[in-house]
Amino acid sequence: MSWSLWLAFLAAALVIAVSPGPGAVLSMSTGLRYGFGAALRSIAGLELALLLQLGVVALGLGAVLATSELAFTAVKFAGAAYLVWIGVHKWRAAPEPLGEGEVRAHSRRQLYAQGLLVNLTNPKAIVFIAALVPQFVVPEQPQWPQFAVIGATMVGVDVVVMSCYALLATRFRPLLRNPRLLRLQNRVFGGLFVGAGAILAASSR
């Protein structure tokens, strides 16, 4: 991959990462409620899912999801249901003081799994990667080194952008000492997750 081609892909990856989506909502929600360290665990899950999706595309399976209406619909509704479930759970969550919320149930494994599932259950991401990535792969050159560069670029850009979203959210953490504002935060992000699920359910390829 030439430098000019890589820079073009870097620009495309940046635009994709900055565009708000379920990953950005999750990063901000976790950063705001549990702090930046906890948000990094969710972001790690998001990035593993991104690499798995790229691997699916590299193996040619992304074309199956792009062409099979049944497969796309099944994954789409599973993803929409999961986002709605997160939203309802968030909406109904009791307004716990920050100290209690950090010590309790949200373990590393839970936060990591949440990030992983949010990205994995989004079929539009695979279809989008399947449409975008081949344009930056040179057929005459070895394929896997190019996919490695593309994967490292996508993950690097996404980590930086999601971390910025999480850091921005952490600036507002002191406000959550107020139970009324904490309840409002739960409902705002709960509504955003439900909205993201509804948009995904209504979307098409």
N, C-alpha and C. Protein backbone atom coordinates (compact mmCIF):
# COMPACT_ATOMS: atom_id res chain seq x y z
N MET A 1 0.85 -1.20 0.00
CA MET A 1 0.00 0.00 0.00
C MET A 1 0.89 1.25 0.00
N SER A 2 0.67 2.13 -0.95
CA SER A 2 1.47 3.35 -1.05
C SER A 2 1.05 4.34 0.04
N TRP A 3 1.92 5.34 0.29
CA TRP A 3 1.62 6.35 1.29
C TRP A 3 0.37 7.15 0.92
N SER A 4 0.21 7.47 -0.35
CA SER A 4 -0.97 8.24 -0.77
C SER A 4 -2.25 7.44 -0.54
N LEU A 5 -2.20 6.14 -0.85
CA LEU A 5 -3.37 5.30 -0.63
C LEU A 5 -3.66 5.16 0.86
N TRP A 6 -2.60 5.00 1.67
CA TRP A 6 -2.80 4.88 3.11
C TRP A 6 -3.37 6.17 3.70
N LEU A 7 -2.89 7.32 3.24
CA LEU A 7 -3.42 8.59 3.75
C LEU A 7 -4.89 8.77 3.38
N ALA A 8 -5.28 8.31 2.20
CA ALA A 8 -6.68 8.36 1.80
C ALA A 8 -7.53 7.47 2.71
N PHE A 9 -7.01 6.28 3.03
CA PHE A 9 -7.74 5.39 3.93
C PHE A 9 -7.80 5.98 5.34
N LEU A 10 -6.71 6.60 5.78
CA LEU A 10 -6.69 7.24 7.10
C LEU A 10 -7.77 8.30 7.21
N ALA A 11 -7.92 9.10 6.16
CA ALA A 11 -8.95 10.13 6.16
C ALA A 11 -10.34 9.51 6.22
N ALA A 12 -10.55 8.42 5.44
CA ALA A 12 -11.85 7.75 5.45
C ALA A 12 -12.14 7.15 6.83
N ALA A 13 -11.12 6.52 7.44
CA ALA A 13 -11.29 5.92 8.77
C ALA A 13 -11.62 6.97 9.81
N LEU A 14 -11.02 8.15 9.69
CA LEU A 14 -11.27 9.23 10.64
C LEU A 14 -12.71 9.73 10.53
N VAL A 15 -13.18 9.90 9.31
CA VAL A 15 -14.57 10.35 9.10
C VAL A 15 -15.55 9.34 9.68
N ILE A 16 -15.28 8.05 9.45
CA ILE A 16 -16.16 6.99 9.95
C ILE A 16 -16.17 6.99 11.47
N ALA A 17 -14.99 7.10 12.09
CA ALA A 17 -14.90 7.03 13.54
C ALA A 17 -15.57 8.22 14.22
N VAL A 18 -15.41 9.41 13.64
CA VAL A 18 -15.98 10.62 14.25
C VAL A 18 -17.50 10.63 14.15
N SER A 19 -18.05 10.00 13.12
CA SER A 19 -19.51 9.97 12.95
C SER A 19 -20.14 9.30 14.17
N PRO A 20 -21.08 9.98 14.86
CA PRO A 20 -21.67 9.40 16.07
C PRO A 20 -22.40 8.09 15.78
N GLY A 21 -22.26 7.14 16.66
CA GLY A 21 -22.92 5.85 16.54
C GLY A 21 -22.99 5.18 17.90
N PRO A 22 -23.43 3.92 17.96
CA PRO A 22 -23.54 3.22 19.24
C PRO A 22 -22.22 3.16 20.01
N GLY A 23 -21.10 3.02 19.31
CA GLY A 23 -19.81 2.98 19.99
C GLY A 23 -19.50 4.28 20.70
N ALA A 24 -19.79 5.41 20.06
CA ALA A 24 -19.56 6.71 20.67
C ALA A 24 -20.47 6.90 21.89
N VAL A 25 -21.73 6.47 21.76
CA VAL A 25 -22.66 6.59 22.88
C VAL A 25 -22.18 5.75 24.06
N LEU A 26 -21.72 4.53 23.77
CA LEU A 26 -21.22 3.66 24.84
C LEU A 26 -19.98 4.26 25.51
N SER A 27 -19.06 4.78 24.71
CA SER A 27 -17.84 5.38 25.26
C SER A 27 -18.16 6.56 26.17
N MET A 28 -19.07 7.43 25.73
CA MET A 28 -19.44 8.58 26.54
C MET A 28 -20.19 8.17 27.79
N SER A 29 -21.11 7.23 27.64
CA SER A 29 -21.90 6.78 28.78
C SER A 29 -21.02 6.15 29.86
N THR A 30 -20.10 5.28 29.44
CA THR A 30 -19.21 4.62 30.40
C THR A 30 -18.24 5.61 31.02
N GLY A 31 -17.68 6.51 30.21
CA GLY A 31 -16.76 7.51 30.73
C GLY A 31 -17.43 8.43 31.74
N LEU A 32 -18.65 8.84 31.43
CA LEU A 32 -19.37 9.75 32.31
C LEU A 32 -19.73 9.08 33.63
N ARG A 33 -20.15 7.82 33.55
CA ARG A 33 -20.63 7.15 34.77
C ARG A 33 -19.51 6.51 35.58
N TYR A 34 -18.52 5.90 34.92
CA TYR A 34 -17.52 5.12 35.64
C TYR A 34 -16.09 5.62 35.49
N GLY A 35 -15.87 6.65 34.67
CA GLY A 35 -14.52 7.19 34.52
C GLY A 35 -13.80 6.68 33.28
N PHE A 36 -12.68 7.32 32.98
CA PHE A 36 -11.96 7.02 31.74
C PHE A 36 -11.38 5.62 31.73
N GLY A 37 -10.87 5.14 32.86
CA GLY A 37 -10.30 3.80 32.91
C GLY A 37 -11.33 2.74 32.56
N ALA A 38 -12.54 2.90 33.07
CA ALA A 38 -13.60 1.95 32.74
C ALA A 38 -14.00 2.06 31.27
N ALA A 39 -14.01 3.29 30.74
CA ALA A 39 -14.36 3.48 29.33
C ALA A 39 -13.37 2.77 28.42
N LEU A 40 -12.09 2.74 28.82
CA LEU A 40 -11.08 2.06 28.00
C LEU A 40 -11.38 0.57 27.88
N ARG A 41 -11.97 -0.03 28.89
CA ARG A 41 -12.34 -1.44 28.80
C ARG A 41 -13.44 -1.65 27.76
N SER A 42 -14.43 -0.78 27.77
CA SER A 42 -15.48 -0.86 26.75
C SER A 42 -14.90 -0.63 25.36
N ILE A 43 -13.98 0.34 25.26
CA ILE A 43 -13.36 0.65 23.97
C ILE A 43 -12.55 -0.55 23.47
N ALA A 44 -11.90 -1.27 24.38
CA ALA A 44 -11.15 -2.47 23.98
C ALA A 44 -12.08 -3.50 23.35
N GLY A 45 -13.27 -3.65 23.91
CA GLY A 45 -14.26 -4.55 23.33
C GLY A 45 -14.71 -4.08 21.95
N LEU A 46 -14.92 -2.78 21.81
CA LEU A 46 -15.31 -2.22 20.51
C LEU A 46 -14.25 -2.53 19.45
N GLU A 47 -12.98 -2.39 19.84
CA GLU A 47 -11.90 -2.58 18.85
C GLU A 47 -11.71 -4.04 18.47
N LEU A 48 -11.88 -4.95 19.43
CA LEU A 48 -11.80 -6.37 19.08
C LEU A 48 -12.89 -6.73 18.08
N ALA A 49 -14.10 -6.21 18.32
CA ALA A 49 -15.20 -6.46 17.38
C ALA A 49 -14.87 -5.91 16.01
N LEU A 50 -14.24 -4.73 15.97
CA LEU A 50 -13.86 -4.13 14.69
C LEU A 50 -12.87 -5.01 13.94
N LEU A 51 -11.90 -5.57 14.66
CA LEU A 51 -10.92 -6.47 14.04
C LEU A 51 -11.59 -7.76 13.55
N LEU A 52 -12.53 -8.28 14.32
CA LEU A 52 -13.24 -9.49 13.90
C LEU A 52 -14.06 -9.22 12.64
N GLN A 53 -14.69 -8.04 12.57
CA GLN A 53 -15.45 -7.68 11.38
C GLN A 53 -14.55 -7.55 10.17
N LEU A 54 -13.37 -6.96 10.37
CA LEU A 54 -12.42 -6.84 9.26
C LEU A 54 -11.95 -8.22 8.82
N GLY A 55 -11.75 -9.13 9.78
CA GLY A 55 -11.37 -10.50 9.45
C GLY A 55 -12.44 -11.21 8.64
N VAL A 56 -13.70 -10.97 9.00
CA VAL A 56 -14.82 -11.55 8.25
C VAL A 56 -14.79 -11.06 6.80
N VAL A 57 -14.52 -9.76 6.64
CA VAL A 57 -14.44 -9.20 5.28
C VAL A 57 -13.25 -9.77 4.53
N ALA A 58 -12.11 -9.90 5.21
CA ALA A 58 -10.91 -10.44 4.56
C ALA A 58 -11.11 -11.87 4.09
N LEU A 59 -11.89 -12.64 4.82
CA LEU A 59 -12.17 -14.02 4.44
C LEU A 59 -13.26 -14.14 3.37
N GLY A 60 -13.86 -13.01 3.02
CA GLY A 60 -14.89 -13.02 2.00
C GLY A 60 -16.29 -13.26 2.52
N LEU A 61 -16.42 -13.40 3.85
CA LEU A 61 -17.75 -13.68 4.42
C LEU A 61 -18.62 -12.43 4.49
N GLY A 62 -17.97 -11.25 4.43
CA GLY A 62 -18.75 -10.02 4.45
C GLY A 62 -19.68 -9.93 3.25
N ALA A 63 -19.26 -10.52 2.13
CA ALA A 63 -20.10 -10.50 0.93
C ALA A 63 -21.38 -11.29 1.16
N VAL A 64 -21.30 -12.34 1.98
CA VAL A 64 -22.49 -13.13 2.28
C VAL A 64 -23.51 -12.28 3.02
N LEU A 65 -23.04 -11.54 4.02
CA LEU A 65 -23.93 -10.67 4.79
C LEU A 65 -24.47 -9.54 3.92
N ALA A 66 -23.65 -9.08 2.98
CA ALA A 66 -24.08 -7.98 2.11
C ALA A 66 -25.12 -8.43 1.09
N THR A 67 -25.10 -9.71 0.72
CA THR A 67 -26.02 -10.18 -0.32
C THR A 67 -27.18 -11.00 0.22
N SER A 68 -27.06 -11.53 1.44
CA SER A 68 -28.13 -12.35 2.00
C SER A 68 -29.06 -11.50 2.85
N GLU A 69 -30.28 -11.33 2.38
CA GLU A 69 -31.27 -10.54 3.12
C GLU A 69 -31.58 -11.17 4.47
N LEU A 70 -31.67 -12.50 4.51
CA LEU A 70 -32.00 -13.19 5.75
C LEU A 70 -30.90 -13.01 6.80
N ALA A 71 -29.63 -13.20 6.39
CA ALA A 71 -28.52 -13.06 7.33
C ALA A 71 -28.41 -11.63 7.84
N PHE A 72 -28.54 -10.67 6.94
CA PHE A 72 -28.46 -9.27 7.33
C PHE A 72 -29.57 -8.91 8.31
N THR A 73 -30.80 -9.35 8.01
CA THR A 73 -31.95 -9.03 8.86
C THR A 73 -31.81 -9.66 10.24
N ALA A 74 -31.33 -10.91 10.29
CA ALA A 74 -31.18 -11.60 11.57
C ALA A 74 -30.19 -10.87 12.47
N VAL A 75 -29.02 -10.52 11.91
CA VAL A 75 -28.01 -9.83 12.70
C VAL A 75 -28.48 -8.42 13.07
N LYS A 76 -29.17 -7.78 12.14
CA LYS A 76 -29.66 -6.42 12.38
C LYS A 76 -30.62 -6.37 13.56
N PHE A 77 -31.59 -7.28 13.59
CA PHE A 77 -32.57 -7.26 14.67
C PHE A 77 -31.97 -7.72 15.99
N ALA A 78 -31.00 -8.63 15.94
CA ALA A 78 -30.30 -9.01 17.17
C ALA A 78 -29.56 -7.81 17.75
N GLY A 79 -28.89 -7.06 16.88
CA GLY A 79 -28.18 -5.87 17.33
C GLY A 79 -29.12 -4.80 17.85
N ALA A 80 -30.24 -4.58 17.16
CA ALA A 80 -31.22 -3.58 17.59
C ALA A 80 -31.79 -3.95 18.96
N ALA A 81 -32.11 -5.25 19.13
CA ALA A 81 -32.66 -5.71 20.40
C ALA A 81 -31.67 -5.50 21.54
N TYR A 82 -30.38 -5.76 21.27
CA TYR A 82 -29.37 -5.58 22.31
C TYR A 82 -29.23 -4.11 22.70
N LEU A 83 -29.22 -3.21 21.71
CA LEU A 83 -29.12 -1.79 22.01
C LEU A 83 -30.33 -1.30 22.80
N VAL A 84 -31.52 -1.77 22.44
CA VAL A 84 -32.73 -1.38 23.17
C VAL A 84 -32.67 -1.92 24.59
N TRP A 85 -32.18 -3.16 24.75
CA TRP A 85 -32.06 -3.74 26.09
C TRP A 85 -31.12 -2.90 26.96
N ILE A 86 -29.96 -2.49 26.41
CA ILE A 86 -29.05 -1.63 27.16
C ILE A 86 -29.76 -0.33 27.54
N GLY A 87 -30.51 0.25 26.57
CA GLY A 87 -31.19 1.51 26.81
C GLY A 87 -32.23 1.42 27.92
N VAL A 88 -33.03 0.37 27.89
CA VAL A 88 -34.07 0.20 28.92
C VAL A 88 -33.42 -0.01 30.29
N HIS A 89 -32.36 -0.83 30.31
CA HIS A 89 -31.64 -1.07 31.58
C HIS A 89 -31.06 0.24 32.12
N LYS A 90 -30.50 1.04 31.23
CA LYS A 90 -29.93 2.32 31.63
C LYS A 90 -31.02 3.27 32.11
N TRP A 91 -32.12 3.32 31.41
CA TRP A 91 -33.24 4.21 31.75
C TRP A 91 -33.78 3.90 33.15
N ARG A 92 -33.87 2.60 33.46
CA ARG A 92 -34.47 2.18 34.72
C ARG A 92 -33.48 2.10 35.88
N ALA A 93 -32.19 2.34 35.60
CA ALA A 93 -31.17 2.22 36.64
C ALA A 93 -31.40 3.24 37.75
N ALA A 94 -31.20 2.79 38.98
CA ALA A 94 -31.34 3.68 40.13
C ALA A 94 -30.18 4.68 40.15
N PRO A 95 -30.43 5.91 40.58
CA PRO A 95 -29.37 6.93 40.62
C PRO A 95 -28.42 6.68 41.79
N GLU A 96 -27.36 5.87 41.58
CA GLU A 96 -26.39 5.55 42.62
C GLU A 96 -25.32 6.62 42.68
N PRO A 97 -24.86 6.96 43.87
CA PRO A 97 -23.71 7.88 43.97
C PRO A 97 -22.50 7.31 43.24
N LEU A 98 -21.62 8.16 42.76
CA LEU A 98 -20.50 7.71 41.94
C LEU A 98 -19.63 6.67 42.63
N GLY A 99 -19.32 6.85 43.87
CA GLY A 99 -18.45 5.91 44.57
C GLY A 99 -19.03 4.50 44.59
N GLU A 100 -20.33 4.36 44.87
CA GLU A 100 -20.98 3.06 44.91
C GLU A 100 -21.00 2.43 43.53
N GLY A 101 -21.30 3.22 42.51
CA GLY A 101 -21.40 2.68 41.17
C GLY A 101 -20.08 2.13 40.67
N GLU A 102 -18.95 2.72 41.10
CA GLU A 102 -17.64 2.27 40.63
C GLU A 102 -17.21 0.98 41.31
N VAL A 103 -17.63 0.76 42.54
CA VAL A 103 -17.18 -0.41 43.29
C VAL A 103 -18.00 -1.64 42.95
N ARG A 104 -19.20 -1.44 42.45
CA ARG A 104 -20.12 -2.56 42.31
C ARG A 104 -20.00 -3.29 40.98
N ALA A 105 -21.11 -3.74 40.41
CA ALA A 105 -21.16 -4.84 39.46
C ALA A 105 -20.39 -4.69 38.15
N HIS A 106 -20.09 -3.48 37.71
CA HIS A 106 -19.50 -3.33 36.37
C HIS A 106 -18.03 -3.75 36.38
N SER A 107 -17.78 -5.01 36.28
CA SER A 107 -16.43 -5.55 36.25
C SER A 107 -15.79 -5.32 34.90
N ARG A 108 -14.50 -5.61 34.81
CA ARG A 108 -13.81 -5.48 33.53
C ARG A 108 -14.47 -6.34 32.46
N ARG A 109 -14.82 -7.55 32.84
CA ARG A 109 -15.39 -8.47 31.86
C ARG A 109 -16.72 -7.96 31.32
N GLN A 110 -17.56 -7.40 32.19
CA GLN A 110 -18.86 -6.89 31.76
C GLN A 110 -18.72 -5.72 30.80
N LEU A 111 -17.83 -4.78 31.15
CA LEU A 111 -17.63 -3.61 30.29
C LEU A 111 -17.03 -4.01 28.94
N TYR A 112 -16.07 -4.92 28.98
CA TYR A 112 -15.43 -5.40 27.76
C TYR A 112 -16.44 -6.11 26.87
N ALA A 113 -17.27 -6.99 27.47
CA ALA A 113 -18.27 -7.73 26.70
C ALA A 113 -19.31 -6.80 26.10
N GLN A 114 -19.66 -5.75 26.84
CA GLN A 114 -20.64 -4.81 26.32
C GLN A 114 -20.13 -4.11 25.06
N GLY A 115 -18.87 -3.66 25.11
CA GLY A 115 -18.28 -3.04 23.92
C GLY A 115 -18.20 -4.00 22.76
N LEU A 116 -17.80 -5.23 23.04
CA LEU A 116 -17.70 -6.26 22.00
C LEU A 116 -19.04 -6.49 21.32
N LEU A 117 -20.10 -6.64 22.11
CA LEU A 117 -21.41 -6.96 21.55
C LEU A 117 -22.03 -5.77 20.81
N VAL A 118 -21.78 -4.56 21.30
CA VAL A 118 -22.34 -3.38 20.62
C VAL A 118 -21.86 -3.30 19.18
N ASN A 119 -20.57 -3.56 18.94
CA ASN A 119 -20.04 -3.51 17.58
C ASN A 119 -20.33 -4.77 16.77
N LEU A 120 -20.25 -5.93 17.44
CA LEU A 120 -20.44 -7.18 16.70
C LEU A 120 -21.85 -7.33 16.16
N THR A 121 -22.83 -6.78 16.86
CA THR A 121 -24.22 -6.95 16.44
C THR A 121 -24.70 -5.82 15.53
N ASN A 122 -23.76 -5.15 14.89
CA ASN A 122 -24.10 -4.10 13.94
C ASN A 122 -23.72 -4.56 12.52
N PRO A 123 -24.65 -5.15 11.77
CA PRO A 123 -24.30 -5.68 10.45
C PRO A 123 -23.92 -4.60 9.46
N LYS A 124 -24.41 -3.38 9.67
CA LYS A 124 -24.08 -2.30 8.75
C LYS A 124 -22.58 -2.01 8.78
N ALA A 125 -21.94 -2.26 9.93
CA ALA A 125 -20.50 -2.03 10.02
C ALA A 125 -19.75 -2.99 9.10
N ILE A 126 -20.16 -4.27 9.10
CA ILE A 126 -19.50 -5.24 8.23
C ILE A 126 -19.75 -4.91 6.77
N VAL A 127 -21.00 -4.57 6.45
CA VAL A 127 -21.33 -4.23 5.07
C VAL A 127 -20.55 -2.99 4.62
N PHE A 128 -20.41 -2.02 5.51
CA PHE A 128 -19.68 -0.80 5.18
C PHE A 128 -18.20 -1.11 4.97
N ILE A 129 -17.63 -1.92 5.87
CA ILE A 129 -16.22 -2.31 5.72
C ILE A 129 -16.03 -3.09 4.42
N ALA A 130 -16.98 -3.96 4.12
CA ALA A 130 -16.89 -4.76 2.89
C ALA A 130 -16.93 -3.87 1.65
N ALA A 131 -17.64 -2.74 1.73
CA ALA A 131 -17.71 -1.83 0.59
C ALA A 131 -16.50 -0.92 0.51
N LEU A 132 -15.94 -0.55 1.69
CA LEU A 132 -14.86 0.43 1.71
C LEU A 132 -13.47 -0.18 1.53
N VAL A 133 -13.18 -1.23 2.31
CA VAL A 133 -11.82 -1.76 2.37
C VAL A 133 -11.27 -2.23 1.03
N PRO A 134 -12.04 -2.99 0.21
CA PRO A 134 -11.47 -3.47 -1.05
C PRO A 134 -10.95 -2.37 -1.97
N GLN A 135 -11.48 -1.15 -1.81
CA GLN A 135 -11.02 -0.05 -2.65
C GLN A 135 -9.57 0.35 -2.32
N PHE A 136 -9.08 -0.06 -1.14
CA PHE A 136 -7.73 0.32 -0.71
C PHE A 136 -6.78 -0.87 -0.70
N VAL A 137 -7.23 -2.00 -1.20
CA VAL A 137 -6.38 -3.19 -1.28
C VAL A 137 -5.88 -3.35 -2.71
N VAL A 138 -4.58 -3.42 -2.89
CA VAL A 138 -3.98 -3.58 -4.22
C VAL A 138 -3.93 -5.06 -4.56
N PRO A 139 -4.67 -5.53 -5.58
CA PRO A 139 -4.76 -6.97 -5.87
C PRO A 139 -3.41 -7.61 -6.20
N GLU A 140 -2.50 -6.85 -6.80
CA GLU A 140 -1.22 -7.42 -7.23
C GLU A 140 -0.25 -7.65 -6.07
N GLN A 141 -0.55 -7.08 -4.91
CA GLN A 141 0.33 -7.20 -3.75
C GLN A 141 -0.23 -8.21 -2.76
N PRO A 142 0.62 -8.76 -1.84
CA PRO A 142 0.14 -9.70 -0.83
C PRO A 142 -1.02 -9.10 -0.03
N GLN A 143 -2.08 -9.89 0.16
CA GLN A 143 -3.31 -9.38 0.76
C GLN A 143 -3.22 -9.17 2.27
N TRP A 144 -2.72 -10.16 3.01
CA TRP A 144 -2.77 -10.09 4.47
C TRP A 144 -1.95 -8.96 5.05
N PRO A 145 -0.75 -8.64 4.54
CA PRO A 145 -0.05 -7.45 5.07
C PRO A 145 -0.86 -6.17 4.89
N GLN A 146 -1.57 -6.08 3.76
CA GLN A 146 -2.40 -4.90 3.54
C GLN A 146 -3.55 -4.84 4.53
N PHE A 147 -4.18 -6.00 4.79
CA PHE A 147 -5.27 -6.03 5.77
C PHE A 147 -4.74 -5.72 7.18
N ALA A 148 -3.51 -6.12 7.46
CA ALA A 148 -2.91 -5.81 8.76
C ALA A 148 -2.73 -4.30 8.93
N VAL A 149 -2.26 -3.63 7.88
CA VAL A 149 -2.10 -2.18 7.92
C VAL A 149 -3.46 -1.50 8.06
N ILE A 150 -4.43 -1.98 7.30
CA ILE A 150 -5.77 -1.41 7.35
C ILE A 150 -6.37 -1.59 8.74
N GLY A 151 -6.21 -2.79 9.32
CA GLY A 151 -6.74 -3.06 10.65
C GLY A 151 -6.10 -2.19 11.71
N ALA A 152 -4.77 -2.06 11.65
CA ALA A 152 -4.06 -1.23 12.62
C ALA A 152 -4.49 0.23 12.51
N THR A 153 -4.71 0.69 11.28
CA THR A 153 -5.13 2.07 11.06
C THR A 153 -6.54 2.30 11.60
N MET A 154 -7.46 1.39 11.27
CA MET A 154 -8.85 1.54 11.73
C MET A 154 -8.92 1.53 13.25
N VAL A 155 -8.23 0.58 13.87
CA VAL A 155 -8.28 0.47 15.33
C VAL A 155 -7.60 1.68 15.98
N GLY A 156 -6.43 2.09 15.45
CA GLY A 156 -5.74 3.23 16.01
C GLY A 156 -6.59 4.50 15.99
N VAL A 157 -7.20 4.75 14.85
CA VAL A 157 -8.05 5.94 14.72
C VAL A 157 -9.26 5.83 15.64
N ASP A 158 -9.89 4.67 15.68
CA ASP A 158 -11.09 4.50 16.48
C ASP A 158 -10.79 4.62 17.97
N VAL A 159 -9.65 4.08 18.41
CA VAL A 159 -9.27 4.20 19.82
C VAL A 159 -9.11 5.67 20.20
N VAL A 160 -8.43 6.44 19.35
CA VAL A 160 -8.22 7.87 19.64
C VAL A 160 -9.55 8.61 19.71
N VAL A 161 -10.42 8.38 18.73
CA VAL A 161 -11.69 9.10 18.68
C VAL A 161 -12.60 8.70 19.85
N MET A 162 -12.74 7.38 20.11
CA MET A 162 -13.58 6.93 21.22
C MET A 162 -13.04 7.41 22.56
N SER A 163 -11.70 7.45 22.69
CA SER A 163 -11.10 7.96 23.92
C SER A 163 -11.41 9.44 24.11
N CYS A 164 -11.40 10.18 23.02
CA CYS A 164 -11.76 11.61 23.09
C CYS A 164 -13.21 11.78 23.53
N TYR A 165 -14.12 10.97 22.99
CA TYR A 165 -15.51 11.01 23.42
C TYR A 165 -15.61 10.72 24.92
N ALA A 166 -14.90 9.68 25.37
CA ALA A 166 -14.95 9.30 26.78
C ALA A 166 -14.35 10.39 27.67
N LEU A 167 -13.21 10.96 27.26
CA LEU A 167 -12.58 12.02 28.04
C LEU A 167 -13.47 13.25 28.14
N LEU A 168 -14.12 13.58 27.04
CA LEU A 168 -15.05 14.72 27.05
C LEU A 168 -16.16 14.47 28.06
N ALA A 169 -16.68 13.25 28.08
CA ALA A 169 -17.77 12.93 29.01
C ALA A 169 -17.32 12.99 30.46
N THR A 170 -16.07 12.57 30.73
CA THR A 170 -15.60 12.57 32.12
C THR A 170 -15.52 13.97 32.71
N ARG A 171 -15.44 14.99 31.86
CA ARG A 171 -15.38 16.36 32.37
C ARG A 171 -16.65 16.74 33.13
N PHE A 172 -17.74 16.02 32.85
CA PHE A 172 -19.02 16.34 33.48
C PHE A 172 -19.31 15.44 34.68
N ARG A 173 -18.36 14.57 35.07
CA ARG A 173 -18.60 13.64 36.18
C ARG A 173 -18.94 14.33 37.50
N PRO A 174 -18.30 15.47 37.84
CA PRO A 174 -18.64 16.11 39.12
C PRO A 174 -20.13 16.46 39.25
N LEU A 175 -20.78 16.69 38.12
CA LEU A 175 -22.21 17.01 38.17
C LEU A 175 -23.04 15.84 38.66
N LEU A 176 -22.51 14.62 38.54
CA LEU A 176 -23.29 13.44 38.89
C LEU A 176 -23.32 13.17 40.39
N ARG A 177 -22.80 14.07 41.17
CA ARG A 177 -22.99 13.96 42.62
C ARG A 177 -24.44 14.27 42.98
N ASN A 178 -25.12 14.95 42.09
CA ASN A 178 -26.53 15.29 42.30
C ASN A 178 -27.41 14.13 41.79
N PRO A 179 -28.18 13.46 42.67
CA PRO A 179 -29.00 12.32 42.24
C PRO A 179 -29.97 12.67 41.11
N ARG A 180 -30.48 13.89 41.10
CA ARG A 180 -31.41 14.29 40.05
C ARG A 180 -30.71 14.33 38.70
N LEU A 181 -29.49 14.87 38.67
CA LEU A 181 -28.73 14.90 37.41
C LEU A 181 -28.27 13.51 37.00
N LEU A 182 -27.99 12.66 37.99
CA LEU A 182 -27.61 11.28 37.68
C LEU A 182 -28.76 10.53 37.02
N ARG A 183 -29.97 10.74 37.56
CA ARG A 183 -31.14 10.11 36.95
C ARG A 183 -31.35 10.64 35.53
N LEU A 184 -31.14 11.95 35.34
CA LEU A 184 -31.27 12.53 34.00
C LEU A 184 -30.25 11.93 33.04
N GLN A 185 -29.00 11.74 33.51
CA GLN A 185 -27.97 11.12 32.68
C GLN A 185 -28.37 9.71 32.27
N ASN A 186 -28.89 8.94 33.23
CA ASN A 186 -29.34 7.58 32.92
C ASN A 186 -30.39 7.60 31.81
N ARG A 187 -31.30 8.54 31.89
CA ARG A 187 -32.40 8.56 30.94
C ARG A 187 -32.00 9.12 29.58
N VAL A 188 -31.07 10.08 29.59
CA VAL A 188 -30.58 10.61 28.31
C VAL A 188 -29.86 9.52 27.53
N PHE A 189 -28.92 8.82 28.19
CA PHE A 189 -28.17 7.78 27.49
C PHE A 189 -29.04 6.56 27.22
N GLY A 190 -29.98 6.27 28.12
CA GLY A 190 -30.93 5.19 27.85
C GLY A 190 -31.72 5.48 26.60
N GLY A 191 -32.18 6.73 26.46
CA GLY A 191 -32.92 7.12 25.26
C GLY A 191 -32.07 7.06 24.01
N LEU A 192 -30.78 7.43 24.13
CA LEU A 192 -29.89 7.37 22.97
C LEU A 192 -29.67 5.94 22.51
N PHE A 193 -29.50 5.01 23.46
CA PHE A 193 -29.33 3.61 23.09
C PHE A 193 -30.59 3.05 22.44
N VAL A 194 -31.75 3.37 23.00
CA VAL A 194 -33.01 2.91 22.39
C VAL A 194 -33.17 3.51 21.00
N GLY A 195 -32.83 4.80 20.85
CA GLY A 195 -32.91 5.43 19.55
C GLY A 195 -31.97 4.80 18.54
N ALA A 196 -30.74 4.47 18.99
CA ALA A 196 -29.79 3.79 18.10
C ALA A 196 -30.32 2.44 17.67
N GLY A 197 -30.96 1.72 18.61
CA GLY A 197 -31.55 0.42 18.28
C GLY A 197 -32.68 0.56 17.27
N ALA A 198 -33.52 1.59 17.45
CA ALA A 198 -34.63 1.80 16.53
C ALA A 198 -34.13 2.16 15.13
N ILE A 199 -33.08 3.01 15.07
CA ILE A 199 -32.51 3.37 13.77
C ILE A 199 -31.92 2.15 13.07
N LEU A 200 -31.22 1.30 13.85
CA LEU A 200 -30.63 0.10 13.27
C LEU A 200 -31.73 -0.84 12.76
N ALA A 201 -32.81 -1.00 13.53
CA ALA A 201 -33.90 -1.89 13.13
C ALA A 201 -34.58 -1.40 11.86
N ALA A 202 -34.65 -0.06 11.70
CA ALA A 202 -35.33 0.50 10.54
C ALA A 202 -34.43 0.64 9.32
N SER A 203 -33.14 0.38 9.51
CA SER A 203 -32.19 0.61 8.43
C SER A 203 -32.19 -0.53 7.41
N SER A 204 -31.64 -0.22 6.28
CA SER A 204 -31.45 -1.22 5.23
C SER A 204 -30.00 -1.13 4.75
N ARG A 205 -29.59 -2.08 3.90
CA ARG A 205 -28.22 -2.06 3.41
C ARG A 205 -27.98 -0.90 2.47
